[in-house]
Each structure stands twice: as C-alpha cells, then as structure tokens.
C-alpha cells in the first residue's frame, strides 16, 4: 500500500486541508502543499499515488504561466528561496510539491467546462437530453464533441459531493456579474488550453476551474489548473466517437471503482497495487504530454 504524504508543520498555521491540498496561512500569503492523496466521486481513497503531488504542482505551475494573458492567477513562486523564513526548515517536505500563492477570497463555484459528451454528462444526456440542465440536440453519441463548449457550474463542497446547478442558480450564489465573468473566463481558458493541447495530440474533454477575488476585488484564477485531477484528457490519435477513449487522467481509478459494488460513500474500498500503479503511469504520461 502506498503511504499517504501528510504535512504537519507545527509552527505554521493550517488554513484548511482539502481533498488533495494542505493550505497554510502565512499572513498575507498562503502556502499550497499538494499531497499524494487522490479522490474519486468526492471521496478520498485510503491509498496514495506516489509523487502525484509533485506532478500536480508542476502541471499547475505550467498552466498558470501559460494563461496569465487571459487573467491573473494566484501563483507567486515554487522556489523555496522565495518563501518566508519559517518555511525553509521544511524544504525537504515542500520541494517540488508546494506553491507560494496570493491570498484571495474564493468565489464559491466549481466552474466546469465540457466540450464532449462524457462521464456523468453522458448518463444525464441519455435520460433527459441535457447535461447539467443544458438542453442539447437529440442523437448525440457518447464521447461526441459538442458544437461548442458548455459552462456547467456546480456548488463547491469542502466535504461530500459538489452539486450540479444551472446558471441561474450560480447567479443567485455569487451574483449575476461575477457569474457571467467566471463563465466567460472559464470558456476562454478552456478554448485556449484545448487549442494548445490539440496541436500536441491531446483532447481536453472537460475541466474545472476555481476563481477568487484579490485585494483589489479583481477575479483571479486559483487552486490548480488543467491537471489530471481536474480535467478529462484523451489521446487524439486514438479518439473515436462511441468507444472508450485512451485517457491519461484518473479515469482508470474511476473505472475500477465503477466495476466494484462500492456505494460511492466513505470509506472507499481498498485499491489494488495494480490500479495505484496504472493511475501513477497516467499522471506521468500527462506531465510529459502537457509540459514536454
């Protein structure tokens, strides 16, 4: 069984512990530390994916740099030399898996963009002809590309399941102006990343973004960006409508869990070593394919 990497910096205030990231409060900044934990269906698995936190950090940093022409983001540095002095004694634990980031006020939406009919979207479409309440043309096939990407927000839950909502509900949570802005930013980010990855033989089927407000009340991109944890990636050369795709995200884990009798509630079932290793290989492939 792979050991879960956990942080416990007794002299740095823990701000929050998420499904994957441990966030520490550095007064005017935050320290993001990506663990090797992995979740599926909003439940944290008992086993870890070794080095996963390092891979997520490198991919997120890559995209923060690539997308800052679209909007600013919270990334400051991943170089320990730039961190406050109190952090430097933890260099071994922080190297490669941490980021110093700007503090912001999170906008309480998961901003999901879908470009293809897949996953839970396909299940809903088969029943109702919609994805997250968005009406779609009849006759679409599984894994088919949509005529244009759709914005399908959800609630943001620290514990338990996020709930899909429609755009009107998103407006009621964060206000119409903010909802419209994060929708537009989400679509711009998706389209930019889609074109970038497509040229490199990768299909970005769907992804989610998170946003916050900085000290000037400007919207910035926060959390992570376009990683295997937050995105569905397929291999372009293998792509074909109606058949299972060659993916390199955590779909291998989801597929295994779907094959069991698990009710998708904690506690999660034990993961075989083979599934842990296959998931790790997918993350390694994603890192190489995206970052080169």
C-alpha atoms as a PDB file:
ATOM      1  CA  UNK A   1       0.000   0.000   0.000  1.00  0.00           C
ATOM      2  CA  UNK A   2       1.360   3.435  -0.935  1.00  0.00           C
ATOM      3  CA  UNK A   3       1.897   5.756   2.021  1.00  0.00           C
ATOM      4  CA  UNK A   4      -0.111   8.979   2.015  1.00  0.00           C
ATOM      5  CA  UNK A   5       2.093  12.058   2.228  1.00  0.00           C
ATOM      6  CA  UNK A   6       0.778  14.260   5.015  1.00  0.00           C
ATOM      7  CA  UNK A   7       2.089  17.622   6.183  1.00  0.00           C
ATOM      8  CA  UNK A   8       2.171  18.705   9.782  1.00  0.00           C
ATOM      9  CA  UNK A   9       4.088  21.950  10.220  1.00  0.00           C
ATOM     10  CA  UNK A  10       3.508  22.680  13.884  1.00  0.00           C
ATOM     11  CA  UNK A  11       4.705  26.288  13.732  1.00  0.00           C
ATOM     12  CA  UNK A  12       2.754  27.235  10.577  1.00  0.00           C
ATOM     13  CA  UNK A  13      -0.993  27.701  10.887  1.00  0.00           C
ATOM     14  CA  UNK A  14      -3.038  25.181   8.908  1.00  0.00           C
ATOM     15  CA  UNK A  15      -5.612  27.180   6.928  1.00  0.00           C
ATOM     16  CA  UNK A  16      -7.513  24.189   5.562  1.00  0.00           C
ATOM     17  CA  UNK A  17      -6.963  20.603   4.495  1.00  0.00           C
ATOM     18  CA  UNK A  18      -8.708  19.808   1.239  1.00  0.00           C
ATOM     19  CA  UNK A  19      -9.180  16.554  -0.616  1.00  0.00           C
ATOM     20  CA  UNK A  20      -5.683  16.842  -2.074  1.00  0.00           C
ATOM     21  CA  UNK A  21      -4.058  20.073  -0.882  1.00  0.00           C
ATOM     22  CA  UNK A  22      -2.982  21.235   2.551  1.00  0.00           C
ATOM     23  CA  UNK A  23      -3.099  25.028   2.732  1.00  0.00           C
ATOM     24  CA  UNK A  24      -1.103  27.008   5.307  1.00  0.00           C
ATOM     25  CA  UNK A  25      -1.641  30.601   6.399  1.00  0.00           C
ATOM     26  CA  UNK A  26       1.392  32.884   6.005  1.00  0.00           C
ATOM     27  CA  UNK A  27      -0.465  36.086   6.967  1.00  0.00           C
ATOM     28  CA  UNK A  28      -0.580  37.953   3.648  1.00  0.00           C
ATOM     29  CA  UNK A  29       0.042  34.822   1.541  1.00  0.00           C
ATOM     30  CA  UNK A  30      -0.847  31.132   1.505  1.00  0.00           C
ATOM     31  CA  UNK A  31       1.309  28.049   1.161  1.00  0.00           C
ATOM     32  CA  UNK A  32      -0.245  25.327  -1.006  1.00  0.00           C
ATOM     33  CA  UNK A  33       1.154  21.835  -0.481  1.00  0.00           C
ATOM     34  CA  UNK A  34      -0.057  19.110  -2.850  1.00  0.00           C
ATOM     35  CA  UNK A  35      -0.326  15.735  -1.145  1.00  0.00           C
ATOM     36  CA  UNK A  36      -0.364  12.356  -2.856  1.00  0.00           C
ATOM     37  CA  UNK A  37      -3.964  11.801  -1.807  1.00  0.00           C
ATOM     38  CA  UNK A  38      -6.416  11.006  -4.558  1.00  0.00           C
ATOM     39  CA  UNK A  39     -10.190  11.278  -4.550  1.00  0.00           C
ATOM     40  CA  UNK A  40     -12.882   9.838  -6.771  1.00  0.00           C
ATOM     41  CA  UNK A  41     -16.586  10.613  -6.641  1.00  0.00           C
ATOM     42  CA  UNK A  42     -15.658  13.179  -3.958  1.00  0.00           C
ATOM     43  CA  UNK A  43     -14.302  10.503  -1.601  1.00  0.00           C
ATOM     44  CA  UNK A  44     -10.632  10.380  -0.610  1.00  0.00           C
ATOM     45  CA  UNK A  45      -9.055   6.988  -1.198  1.00  0.00           C
ATOM     46  CA  UNK A  46      -7.181   5.248   1.617  1.00  0.00           C
ATOM     47  CA  UNK A  47      -4.100   4.775  -0.555  1.00  0.00           C
ATOM     48  CA  UNK A  48      -1.859   7.388  -2.129  1.00  0.00           C
ATOM     49  CA  UNK A  49      -0.467   7.780  -5.641  1.00  0.00           C
ATOM     50  CA  UNK A  50       3.299   8.264  -5.102  1.00  0.00           C
ATOM     51  CA  UNK A  51       4.718  11.585  -6.405  1.00  0.00           C
ATOM     52  CA  UNK A  52       1.256  12.679  -7.538  1.00  0.00           C
ATOM     53  CA  UNK A  53       1.541  15.946  -5.587  1.00  0.00           C
ATOM     54  CA  UNK A  54       4.767  16.815  -7.383  1.00  0.00           C
ATOM     55  CA  UNK A  55       3.185  16.144 -10.770  1.00  0.00           C
ATOM     56  CA  UNK A  56       0.114  18.260  -9.987  1.00  0.00           C
ATOM     57  CA  UNK A  57       2.279  21.157  -8.829  1.00  0.00           C
ATOM     58  CA  UNK A  58       4.414  21.130 -11.977  1.00  0.00           C
ATOM     59  CA  UNK A  59       1.406  20.979 -14.306  1.00  0.00           C
ATOM     60  CA  UNK A  60      -0.456  23.756 -12.460  1.00  0.00           C
ATOM     61  CA  UNK A  61       2.596  25.999 -12.491  1.00  0.00           C
ATOM     62  CA  UNK A  62       2.952  25.380 -16.236  1.00  0.00           C
ATOM     63  CA  UNK A  63      -0.643  26.482 -16.887  1.00  0.00           C
ATOM     64  CA  UNK A  64      -0.507  29.471 -14.538  1.00  0.00           C
ATOM     65  CA  UNK A  65       2.364  30.773 -16.652  1.00  0.00           C
ATOM     66  CA  UNK A  66       0.653  29.918 -19.964  1.00  0.00           C
ATOM     67  CA  UNK A  67      -2.717  31.516 -19.163  1.00  0.00           C
ATOM     68  CA  UNK A  68      -1.788  34.740 -17.392  1.00  0.00           C
ATOM     69  CA  UNK A  69      -2.525  36.676 -20.611  1.00  0.00           C
ATOM     70  CA  UNK A  70      -6.190  35.685 -20.141  1.00  0.00           C
ATOM     71  CA  UNK A  71      -6.430  36.669 -16.484  1.00  0.00           C
ATOM     72  CA  UNK A  72      -4.089  36.922 -13.477  1.00  0.00           C
ATOM     73  CA  UNK A  73      -3.670  33.982 -11.111  1.00  0.00           C
ATOM     74  CA  UNK A  74      -2.594  33.483  -7.523  1.00  0.00           C
ATOM     75  CA  UNK A  75       0.781  31.839  -8.223  1.00  0.00           C
ATOM     76  CA  UNK A  76       3.830  33.650  -6.812  1.00  0.00           C
ATOM     77  CA  UNK A  77       6.649  31.093  -6.660  1.00  0.00           C
ATOM     78  CA  UNK A  78       7.543  27.455  -6.127  1.00  0.00           C
ATOM     79  CA  UNK A  79      11.174  28.278  -5.276  1.00  0.00           C
ATOM     80  CA  UNK A  80      11.822  27.678  -1.582  1.00  0.00           C
ATOM     81  CA  UNK A  81      14.289  30.585  -1.618  1.00  0.00           C
ATOM     82  CA  UNK A  82      11.332  32.935  -2.162  1.00  0.00           C
ATOM     83  CA  UNK A  83       9.336  31.514   0.757  1.00  0.00           C
ATOM     84  CA  UNK A  84       9.157  33.155   4.200  1.00  0.00           C
ATOM     85  CA  UNK A  85      11.927  32.085   6.559  1.00  0.00           C
ATOM     86  CA  UNK A  86       9.573  29.972   8.680  1.00  0.00           C
ATOM     87  CA  UNK A  87       9.079  27.614   5.717  1.00  0.00           C
ATOM     88  CA  UNK A  88      12.717  26.941   4.927  1.00  0.00           C
ATOM     89  CA  UNK A  89      13.277  24.327   7.635  1.00  0.00           C
ATOM     90  CA  UNK A  90      10.679  22.216   5.792  1.00  0.00           C
ATOM     91  CA  UNK A  91      12.499  22.324   2.463  1.00  0.00           C
ATOM     92  CA  UNK A  92      12.550  18.537   2.101  1.00  0.00           C
ATOM     93  CA  UNK A  93       8.762  18.308   2.500  1.00  0.00           C
ATOM     94  CA  UNK A  94       7.999  21.353   0.336  1.00  0.00           C
ATOM     95  CA  UNK A  95      10.350  20.923  -2.614  1.00  0.00           C
ATOM     96  CA  UNK A  96       8.519  20.159  -5.878  1.00  0.00           C
ATOM     97  CA  UNK A  97       5.066  19.899  -4.283  1.00  0.00           C
ATOM     98  CA  UNK A  98       4.388  23.384  -2.920  1.00  0.00           C
ATOM     99  CA  UNK A  99       3.496  26.854  -4.171  1.00  0.00           C
ATOM    100  CA  UNK A 100       3.540  30.253  -2.509  1.00  0.00           C
ATOM    101  CA  UNK A 101       0.320  31.944  -3.620  1.00  0.00           C
ATOM    102  CA  UNK A 102      -1.582  35.177  -3.219  1.00  0.00           C
ATOM    103  CA  UNK A 103      -4.387  35.214  -0.696  1.00  0.00           C
ATOM    104  CA  UNK A 104      -7.824  35.716  -2.192  1.00  0.00           C
ATOM    105  CA  UNK A 105     -11.492  35.412  -1.342  1.00  0.00           C
ATOM    106  CA  UNK A 106     -12.724  32.247  -3.104  1.00  0.00           C
ATOM    107  CA  UNK A 107     -15.728  32.509  -5.401  1.00  0.00           C
ATOM    108  CA  UNK A 108     -17.944  29.672  -4.240  1.00  0.00           C
ATOM    109  CA  UNK A 109     -18.461  27.879  -7.545  1.00  0.00           C
ATOM    110  CA  UNK A 110     -16.811  24.983  -9.303  1.00  0.00           C
ATOM    111  CA  UNK A 111     -16.539  26.316 -12.840  1.00  0.00           C
ATOM    112  CA  UNK A 112     -16.800  23.319 -15.145  1.00  0.00           C
ATOM    113  CA  UNK A 113     -16.476  23.480 -18.930  1.00  0.00           C
ATOM    114  CA  UNK A 114     -17.471  20.474 -21.052  1.00  0.00           C
ATOM    115  CA  UNK A 115     -16.543  20.088 -24.687  1.00  0.00           C
ATOM    116  CA  UNK A 116     -17.658  16.481 -25.162  1.00  0.00           C
ATOM    117  CA  UNK A 117     -20.461  14.157 -24.057  1.00  0.00           C
ATOM    118  CA  UNK A 118     -18.776  12.035 -21.400  1.00  0.00           C
ATOM    119  CA  UNK A 119     -18.904  10.768 -17.837  1.00  0.00           C
ATOM    120  CA  UNK A 120     -21.851  11.891 -15.742  1.00  0.00           C
ATOM    121  CA  UNK A 121     -22.846  14.187 -18.612  1.00  0.00           C
ATOM    122  CA  UNK A 122     -23.454  11.187 -20.855  1.00  0.00           C
ATOM    123  CA  UNK A 123     -25.565   9.466 -18.192  1.00  0.00           C
ATOM    124  CA  UNK A 124     -27.757  12.545 -17.828  1.00  0.00           C
ATOM    125  CA  UNK A 125     -27.988  13.091 -21.578  1.00  0.00           C
ATOM    126  CA  UNK A 126     -29.245   9.549 -22.165  1.00  0.00           C
ATOM    127  CA  UNK A 127     -32.060  10.091 -19.649  1.00  0.00           C
ATOM    128  CA  UNK A 128     -33.021  13.707 -20.278  1.00  0.00           C
ATOM    129  CA  UNK A 129     -31.281  15.072 -23.360  1.00  0.00           C
ATOM    130  CA  UNK A 130     -29.421  17.560 -21.183  1.00  0.00           C
ATOM    131  CA  UNK A 131     -26.048  17.945 -19.476  1.00  0.00           C
ATOM    132  CA  UNK A 132     -26.302  19.728 -16.132  1.00  0.00           C
ATOM    133  CA  UNK A 133     -29.619  21.135 -17.298  1.00  0.00           C
ATOM    134  CA  UNK A 134     -28.270  22.483 -20.602  1.00  0.00           C
ATOM    135  CA  UNK A 135     -30.537  21.286 -23.410  1.00  0.00           C
ATOM    136  CA  UNK A 136     -28.584  19.597 -26.219  1.00  0.00           C
ATOM    137  CA  UNK A 137     -29.517  18.329 -29.702  1.00  0.00           C
ATOM    138  CA  UNK A 138     -31.003  14.846 -29.966  1.00  0.00           C
ATOM    139  CA  UNK A 139     -28.945  11.937 -31.278  1.00  0.00           C
ATOM    140  CA  UNK A 140     -25.564  12.725 -29.756  1.00  0.00           C
ATOM    141  CA  UNK A 141     -23.282   9.748 -29.102  1.00  0.00           C
ATOM    142  CA  UNK A 142     -21.058   9.047 -26.137  1.00  0.00           C
ATOM    143  CA  UNK A 143     -17.732  10.928 -26.414  1.00  0.00           C
ATOM    144  CA  UNK A 144     -19.057  13.097 -29.249  1.00  0.00           C
ATOM    145  CA  UNK A 145     -17.757  16.646 -29.468  1.00  0.00           C
ATOM    146  CA  UNK A 146     -20.305  19.354 -28.722  1.00  0.00           C
ATOM    147  CA  UNK A 147     -20.834  22.090 -31.315  1.00  0.00           C
ATOM    148  CA  UNK A 148     -19.386  24.461 -28.715  1.00  0.00           C
ATOM    149  CA  UNK A 149     -18.210  24.024 -25.112  1.00  0.00           C
ATOM    150  CA  UNK A 150     -20.792  24.494 -22.376  1.00  0.00           C
ATOM    151  CA  UNK A 151     -20.398  26.031 -18.913  1.00  0.00           C
ATOM    152  CA  UNK A 152     -21.862  23.747 -16.242  1.00  0.00           C
ATOM    153  CA  UNK A 153     -21.166  25.114 -12.749  1.00  0.00           C
ATOM    154  CA  UNK A 154     -21.538  23.242  -9.503  1.00  0.00           C
ATOM    155  CA  UNK A 155     -21.512  24.096  -5.838  1.00  0.00           C
ATOM    156  CA  UNK A 156     -18.177  23.974  -4.050  1.00  0.00           C
ATOM    157  CA  UNK A 157     -18.188  21.471  -1.193  1.00  0.00           C
ATOM    158  CA  UNK A 158     -15.222  21.053   1.143  1.00  0.00           C
ATOM    159  CA  UNK A 159     -16.721  17.783   2.351  1.00  0.00           C
ATOM    160  CA  UNK A 160     -19.007  15.468   0.409  1.00  0.00           C
ATOM    161  CA  UNK A 161     -20.383  15.942  -3.059  1.00  0.00           C
ATOM    162  CA  UNK A 162     -20.477  19.041  -5.231  1.00  0.00           C
ATOM    163  CA  UNK A 163     -23.961  19.584  -6.665  1.00  0.00           C
ATOM    164  CA  UNK A 164     -24.543  20.495 -10.299  1.00  0.00           C
ATOM    165  CA  UNK A 165     -26.523  23.713 -10.679  1.00  0.00           C
ATOM    166  CA  UNK A 166     -27.796  25.779 -13.589  1.00  0.00           C
ATOM    167  CA  UNK A 167     -26.535  29.234 -14.481  1.00  0.00           C
ATOM    168  CA  UNK A 168     -29.452  30.991 -12.783  1.00  0.00           C
ATOM    169  CA  UNK A 169     -28.602  29.199  -9.549  1.00  0.00           C
ATOM    170  CA  UNK A 170     -24.953  30.197  -9.952  1.00  0.00           C
ATOM    171  CA  UNK A 171     -26.072  33.820 -10.278  1.00  0.00           C
ATOM    172  CA  UNK A 172     -28.077  33.514  -7.073  1.00  0.00           C
ATOM    173  CA  UNK A 173     -24.998  32.258  -5.201  1.00  0.00           C
ATOM    174  CA  UNK A 174     -22.340  34.729  -6.382  1.00  0.00           C
ATOM    175  CA  UNK A 175     -24.311  37.444  -8.190  1.00  0.00           C
ATOM    176  CA  UNK A 176     -25.020  37.836 -11.906  1.00  0.00           C
ATOM    177  CA  UNK A 177     -21.941  39.963 -12.692  1.00  0.00           C
ATOM    178  CA  UNK A 178     -19.481  37.576 -11.042  1.00  0.00           C
ATOM    179  CA  UNK A 179     -21.211  34.523 -12.513  1.00  0.00           C
ATOM    180  CA  UNK A 180     -21.018  35.961 -16.039  1.00  0.00           C
ATOM    181  CA  UNK A 181     -17.345  36.866 -15.616  1.00  0.00           C
ATOM    182  CA  UNK A 182     -16.252  33.461 -14.327  1.00  0.00           C
ATOM    183  CA  UNK A 183     -18.301  31.772 -17.057  1.00  0.00           C
ATOM    184  CA  UNK A 184     -16.571  33.841 -19.717  1.00  0.00           C
ATOM    185  CA  UNK A 185     -13.118  33.316 -18.193  1.00  0.00           C
ATOM    186  CA  UNK A 186     -13.756  29.579 -17.899  1.00  0.00           C
ATOM    187  CA  UNK A 187     -14.682  29.305 -21.574  1.00  0.00           C
ATOM    188  CA  UNK A 188     -11.671  31.385 -22.641  1.00  0.00           C
ATOM    189  CA  UNK A 189      -9.321  29.245 -20.557  1.00  0.00           C
ATOM    190  CA  UNK A 190     -10.833  26.037 -21.877  1.00  0.00           C
ATOM    191  CA  UNK A 191     -10.635  27.153 -25.500  1.00  0.00           C
ATOM    192  CA  UNK A 192      -7.033  28.301 -25.125  1.00  0.00           C
ATOM    193  CA  UNK A 193      -5.958  25.063 -23.455  1.00  0.00           C
ATOM    194  CA  UNK A 194      -7.966  22.977 -25.933  1.00  0.00           C
ATOM    195  CA  UNK A 195      -6.193  24.516 -28.924  1.00  0.00           C
ATOM    196  CA  UNK A 196      -2.787  24.271 -27.236  1.00  0.00           C
ATOM    197  CA  UNK A 197      -3.229  20.598 -26.351  1.00  0.00           C
ATOM    198  CA  UNK A 198      -4.902  19.574 -29.612  1.00  0.00           C
ATOM    199  CA  UNK A 199      -1.764  20.584 -31.508  1.00  0.00           C
ATOM    200  CA  UNK A 200       0.136  18.225 -29.222  1.00  0.00           C
ATOM    201  CA  UNK A 201      -2.135  15.262 -29.810  1.00  0.00           C
ATOM    202  CA  UNK A 202      -4.280  15.682 -26.713  1.00  0.00           C
ATOM    203  CA  UNK A 203      -8.023  16.278 -26.409  1.00  0.00           C
ATOM    204  CA  UNK A 204      -9.219  18.291 -23.423  1.00  0.00           C
ATOM    205  CA  UNK A 205     -12.696  16.822 -22.997  1.00  0.00           C
ATOM    206  CA  UNK A 206     -13.661  18.783 -19.893  1.00  0.00           C
ATOM    207  CA  UNK A 207     -12.103  20.596 -16.969  1.00  0.00           C
ATOM    208  CA  UNK A 208     -12.937  22.683 -13.926  1.00  0.00           C
ATOM    209  CA  UNK A 209     -11.562  25.993 -12.696  1.00  0.00           C
ATOM    210  CA  UNK A 210     -11.740  27.878  -9.442  1.00  0.00           C
ATOM    211  CA  UNK A 211     -11.574  31.639  -9.066  1.00  0.00           C
ATOM    212  CA  UNK A 212     -11.106  34.148  -6.286  1.00  0.00           C
ATOM    213  CA  UNK A 213     -11.127  37.895  -5.670  1.00  0.00           C
ATOM    214  CA  UNK A 214      -7.798  39.519  -4.824  1.00  0.00           C
ATOM    215  CA  UNK A 215      -7.279  42.558  -2.597  1.00  0.00           C
ATOM    216  CA  UNK A 216      -8.359  44.830  -5.457  1.00  0.00           C
ATOM    217  CA  UNK A 217     -11.547  42.785  -5.967  1.00  0.00           C
ATOM    218  CA  UNK A 218     -10.222  41.536  -9.304  1.00  0.00           C
ATOM    219  CA  UNK A 219     -11.044  37.996 -10.377  1.00  0.00           C
ATOM    220  CA  UNK A 220      -8.005  35.703 -10.418  1.00  0.00           C
ATOM    221  CA  UNK A 221      -7.504  32.009 -11.198  1.00  0.00           C
ATOM    222  CA  UNK A 222      -6.757  29.995  -8.046  1.00  0.00           C
ATOM    223  CA  UNK A 223      -6.264  26.446  -6.753  1.00  0.00           C
ATOM    224  CA  UNK A 224      -4.994  24.245  -9.608  1.00  0.00           C
ATOM    225  CA  UNK A 225      -5.281  24.419 -13.373  1.00  0.00           C
ATOM    226  CA  UNK A 226      -5.811  21.791 -16.068  1.00  0.00           C
ATOM    227  CA  UNK A 227      -4.361  18.823 -14.187  1.00  0.00           C
ATOM    228  CA  UNK A 228      -5.397  15.149 -14.342  1.00  0.00           C
ATOM    229  CA  UNK A 229      -7.277  15.756 -11.086  1.00  0.00           C
ATOM    230  CA  UNK A 230      -9.447  18.497 -12.574  1.00  0.00           C
ATOM    231  CA  UNK A 231      -9.622  17.509 -16.242  1.00  0.00           C
ATOM    232  CA  UNK A 232     -10.501  14.710 -18.632  1.00  0.00           C
ATOM    233  CA  UNK A 233      -7.723  14.179 -21.213  1.00  0.00           C
ATOM    234  CA  UNK A 234      -7.851  11.831 -24.203  1.00  0.00           C
ATOM    235  CA  UNK A 235      -5.274  10.782 -26.779  1.00  0.00           C
ATOM    236  CA  UNK A 236      -6.169  12.362 -30.126  1.00  0.00           C
ATOM    237  CA  UNK A 237      -4.745   9.557 -32.290  1.00  0.00           C
ATOM    238  CA  UNK A 238      -6.971   7.041 -30.520  1.00  0.00           C
ATOM    239  CA  UNK A 239     -10.110   9.184 -30.438  1.00  0.00           C
ATOM    240  CA  UNK A 240     -13.291   7.747 -31.903  1.00  0.00           C
ATOM    241  CA  UNK A 241     -16.899   8.620 -31.121  1.00  0.00           C
ATOM    242  CA  UNK A 242     -18.841   5.890 -29.343  1.00  0.00           C
ATOM    243  CA  UNK A 243     -15.943   3.866 -27.965  1.00  0.00           C
ATOM    244  CA  UNK A 244     -13.906   4.110 -24.771  1.00  0.00           C
ATOM    245  CA  UNK A 245     -11.117   6.679 -25.066  1.00  0.00           C
ATOM    246  CA  UNK A 246      -7.411   6.380 -24.333  1.00  0.00           C
ATOM    247  CA  UNK A 247      -7.310   8.688 -21.334  1.00  0.00           C
ATOM    248  CA  UNK A 248      -4.496   9.916 -19.140  1.00  0.00           C
ATOM    249  CA  UNK A 249      -6.294  11.316 -16.164  1.00  0.00           C
ATOM    250  CA  UNK A 250      -7.706   9.472 -13.138  1.00  0.00           C
ATOM    251  CA  UNK A 251     -10.401   7.759 -15.202  1.00  0.00           C
ATOM    252  CA  UNK A 252      -8.587   4.436 -14.694  1.00  0.00           C
ATOM    253  CA  UNK A 253      -9.353   4.802 -10.984  1.00  0.00           C
ATOM    254  CA  UNK A 254     -12.993   5.763 -11.601  1.00  0.00           C
ATOM    255  CA  UNK A 255     -13.421   2.809 -13.971  1.00  0.00           C
ATOM    256  CA  UNK A 256     -12.074   0.395 -11.370  1.00  0.00           C
ATOM    257  CA  UNK A 257     -14.364   1.780  -8.678  1.00  0.00           C
ATOM    258  CA  UNK A 258     -17.369   1.582 -11.023  1.00  0.00           C
ATOM    259  CA  UNK A 259     -16.587  -2.126 -11.512  1.00  0.00           C
ATOM    260  CA  UNK A 260     -16.987  -2.797  -7.776  1.00  0.00           C
ATOM    261  CA  UNK A 261     -20.118  -2.762  -5.653  1.00  0.00           C
ATOM    262  CA  UNK A 262     -18.965   0.369  -3.817  1.00  0.00           C
ATOM    263  CA  UNK A 263     -21.778   2.816  -2.995  1.00  0.00           C
ATOM    264  CA  UNK A 264     -19.520   5.862  -3.607  1.00  0.00           C
ATOM    265  CA  UNK A 265     -19.610   6.839   0.046  1.00  0.00           C
ATOM    266  CA  UNK A 266     -16.777   6.766   2.585  1.00  0.00           C
ATOM    267  CA  UNK A 267     -14.990   4.581   3.394  1.00  0.00           C
ATOM    268  CA  UNK A 268     -13.529   3.850  -0.026  1.00  0.00           C
ATOM    269  CA  UNK A 269     -12.635   0.278  -0.967  1.00  0.00           C
ATOM    270  CA  UNK A 270      -9.022  -0.851  -0.859  1.00  0.00           C
ATOM    271  CA  UNK A 271      -7.192  -0.172  -4.117  1.00  0.00           C
ATOM    272  CA  UNK A 272      -5.139  -2.980  -5.690  1.00  0.00           C
ATOM    273  CA  UNK A 273      -1.455  -2.211  -6.236  1.00  0.00           C
ATOM    274  CA  UNK A 274      -2.055  -2.599  -9.981  1.00  0.00           C
ATOM    275  CA  UNK A 275      -4.625   0.218 -10.001  1.00  0.00           C
ATOM    276  CA  UNK A 276      -2.328   2.506  -7.991  1.00  0.00           C
ATOM    277  CA  UNK A 277       0.496   1.869 -10.468  1.00  0.00           C
ATOM    278  CA  UNK A 278      -1.726   2.328 -13.540  1.00  0.00           C
ATOM    279  CA  UNK A 279      -3.027   5.624 -12.139  1.00  0.00           C
ATOM    280  CA  UNK A 280       0.516   6.830 -11.481  1.00  0.00           C
ATOM    281  CA  UNK A 281       1.515   5.984 -15.057  1.00  0.00           C
ATOM    282  CA  UNK A 282      -1.406   8.065 -16.342  1.00  0.00           C
ATOM    283  CA  UNK A 283      -0.241  11.067 -14.288  1.00  0.00           C
ATOM    284  CA  UNK A 284       3.335  10.662 -15.521  1.00  0.00           C
ATOM    285  CA  UNK A 285       2.104  10.500 -19.104  1.00  0.00           C
ATOM    286  CA  UNK A 286       0.039  13.641 -18.589  1.00  0.00           C
ATOM    287  CA  UNK A 287       3.042  15.515 -17.226  1.00  0.00           C
ATOM    288  CA  UNK A 288       5.201  14.586 -20.208  1.00  0.00           C
ATOM    289  CA  UNK A 289       2.471  15.228 -22.777  1.00  0.00           C
ATOM    290  CA  UNK A 290       1.481  18.626 -21.375  1.00  0.00           C
ATOM    291  CA  UNK A 291       4.774  20.068 -20.197  1.00  0.00           C
ATOM    292  CA  UNK A 292       7.161  18.304 -22.582  1.00  0.00           C
END
